[in-house]
Amino acid sequence: MTTARSNDGARSGAVVKGPDLFADHDYRPYVRLSDTTHPFSDEEALYAAATTTQRAVAILLSDDDFETGGLPRETYVNPWTIVPIRDADIQYEEGRLITATTDTIARAAAGYLGIR
C-alpha cells in the first residue's frame, strides 16, 4: 500500500520511496531515522537504506514491524548505510514502523558510528 507524502513526514519511522543512490533503479525504500531536531528538518532528513538483499547484520522488516502500510517484498534495512535525502526527492510514504523497530535500527546505526 502506498500513500501520498504527508506533512507529518518529519516523524522518524516513516518508510518512504526515494531515489536509488546505490543502484540503477528508479527508486529504493528508506527508513527515516531523524526527527525535527535535525538541522534543516523542514528540507531534508537522514534515512537508512533498505534492500531486498539479505545480509547477516541487516535488519529484516516483517509485517509486525509496520504500524501502518508495508512493503510488497521481503525487505532488509542496512543500518550502516545512512544518507541525507531532501524532502523534494521523496516520492511516497509506504508506511510507518513501530517505535521499537525504528529504535532498533537507530541504535544499530549509532553503533556503526562508535556510539554504545
Protein backbone atom coordinates (compact mmCIF):
# COMPACT_ATOMS: atom_id res chain seq x y z
CA MET A 1 0.00 0.00 0.00
CA THR A 2 1.45 3.37 -0.92
CA THR A 3 0.21 6.66 0.36
CA ALA A 4 0.96 10.14 -0.81
CA ARG A 5 3.59 12.04 1.11
CA SER A 6 2.19 13.67 4.18
CA ASN A 7 3.26 16.78 6.04
CA ASP A 8 3.89 14.50 9.03
CA GLY A 9 6.98 13.11 7.27
CA ALA A 10 9.18 14.60 10.00
CA ARG A 11 8.34 11.66 12.22
CA SER A 12 11.05 9.05 12.40
CA GLY A 13 9.97 5.56 11.34
CA ALA A 14 8.44 6.62 8.04
CA VAL A 15 9.22 4.11 5.29
CA VAL A 16 9.47 6.06 2.07
CA LYS A 17 10.13 5.57 -1.61
CA GLY A 18 13.12 7.71 -2.56
CA PRO A 19 15.82 7.93 -5.22
CA ASP A 20 18.07 4.89 -5.58
CA LEU A 21 21.50 6.24 -4.72
CA PHE A 22 23.21 2.82 -4.89
CA ALA A 23 21.97 1.01 -8.00
CA ASP A 24 20.42 1.67 -11.38
CA HIS A 25 16.78 1.54 -10.25
CA ASP A 26 14.15 4.25 -10.28
CA TYR A 27 13.67 4.17 -6.52
CA ARG A 28 14.54 2.42 -3.27
CA PRO A 29 12.81 2.21 0.12
CA TYR A 30 14.36 4.03 3.06
CA VAL A 31 13.55 4.31 6.76
CA ARG A 32 13.58 7.82 8.21
CA LEU A 33 15.66 7.98 11.37
CA SER A 34 15.92 11.72 12.05
CA ASP A 35 13.23 13.92 13.53
CA THR A 36 12.63 17.65 13.80
CA THR A 37 15.85 18.15 15.80
CA HIS A 38 17.85 17.53 12.60
CA PRO A 39 19.23 20.77 11.10
CA PHE A 40 17.14 21.72 8.08
CA SER A 41 14.47 19.20 9.12
CA ASP A 42 11.98 21.18 7.06
CA GLU A 43 14.05 20.36 3.92
CA GLU A 44 15.80 17.01 4.45
CA ALA A 45 16.22 14.03 6.76
CA LEU A 46 18.54 11.12 7.49
CA TYR A 47 17.47 7.72 6.20
CA ALA A 48 18.69 4.13 6.46
CA ALA A 49 18.71 2.34 3.12
CA ALA A 50 16.54 -0.73 2.63
CA THR A 51 17.09 -3.57 0.18
CA THR A 52 15.83 -6.98 -0.81
CA THR A 53 19.37 -8.34 -0.40
CA GLN A 54 19.73 -10.37 2.78
CA ARG A 55 22.90 -9.71 4.76
CA ALA A 56 23.92 -11.25 8.07
CA VAL A 57 23.65 -7.99 10.04
CA ALA A 58 20.82 -6.34 8.09
CA ILE A 59 17.51 -5.90 9.92
CA LEU A 60 14.59 -7.81 8.41
CA LEU A 61 11.29 -5.92 8.28
CA SER A 62 8.27 -8.13 8.90
CA ASP A 63 4.60 -7.21 8.70
CA ASP A 64 4.62 -6.93 12.51
CA ASP A 65 7.18 -4.12 12.29
CA PHE A 66 4.72 -1.84 10.49
CA GLU A 67 2.30 0.38 12.35
CA THR A 68 0.71 1.27 9.01
CA GLY A 69 1.33 0.34 5.39
CA GLY A 70 4.06 -2.06 4.34
CA LEU A 71 6.31 -3.18 1.51
CA PRO A 72 5.48 -5.71 -1.22
CA ARG A 73 8.67 -7.79 -0.91
CA GLU A 74 10.89 -9.13 1.85
CA THR A 75 12.98 -6.13 2.87
CA TYR A 76 16.09 -5.64 4.97
CA VAL A 77 17.38 -2.37 6.43
CA ASN A 78 21.12 -1.70 6.27
CA PRO A 79 21.76 0.43 9.39
CA TRP A 80 25.32 1.16 8.25
CA THR A 81 24.03 2.92 5.12
CA ILE A 82 22.72 6.29 6.30
CA VAL A 83 22.06 9.02 3.75
CA PRO A 84 20.54 12.51 3.76
CA ILE A 85 17.65 12.88 1.33
CA ARG A 86 15.83 16.09 0.52
CA ASP A 87 12.08 16.06 1.10
CA ALA A 88 11.53 17.08 -2.52
CA ASP A 89 13.15 13.80 -3.65
CA ILE A 90 10.81 11.56 -1.65
CA GLN A 91 8.08 10.10 -3.84
CA TYR A 92 5.75 8.33 -1.40
CA GLU A 93 5.39 7.15 2.13
CA GLU A 94 4.97 3.37 2.04
CA GLY A 95 4.12 3.08 5.73
CA ARG A 96 5.36 3.65 9.26
CA LEU A 97 7.33 1.37 11.52
CA ILE A 98 6.51 0.78 15.15
CA THR A 99 8.70 2.69 17.58
CA ALA A 100 10.56 -0.42 18.80
CA THR A 101 11.70 -1.29 15.26
CA THR A 102 12.73 2.29 14.49
CA ASP A 103 14.70 2.41 17.73
CA THR A 104 16.43 -0.90 16.90
CA ILE A 105 17.53 0.47 13.52
CA ALA A 106 18.69 3.78 15.06
CA ARG A 107 20.67 2.02 17.81
CA ALA A 108 22.33 -0.23 15.22
CA ALA A 109 23.21 2.82 13.08
CA ALA A 110 24.68 4.60 16.11
CA GLY A 111 26.78 1.52 16.82
CA TYR A 112 28.43 1.85 13.40
CA LEU A 113 29.45 5.36 14.47
CA GLY A 114 31.06 4.07 17.67
CA ILE A 115 28.22 5.11 19.96
CA ARG A 116 27.43 2.41 22.51
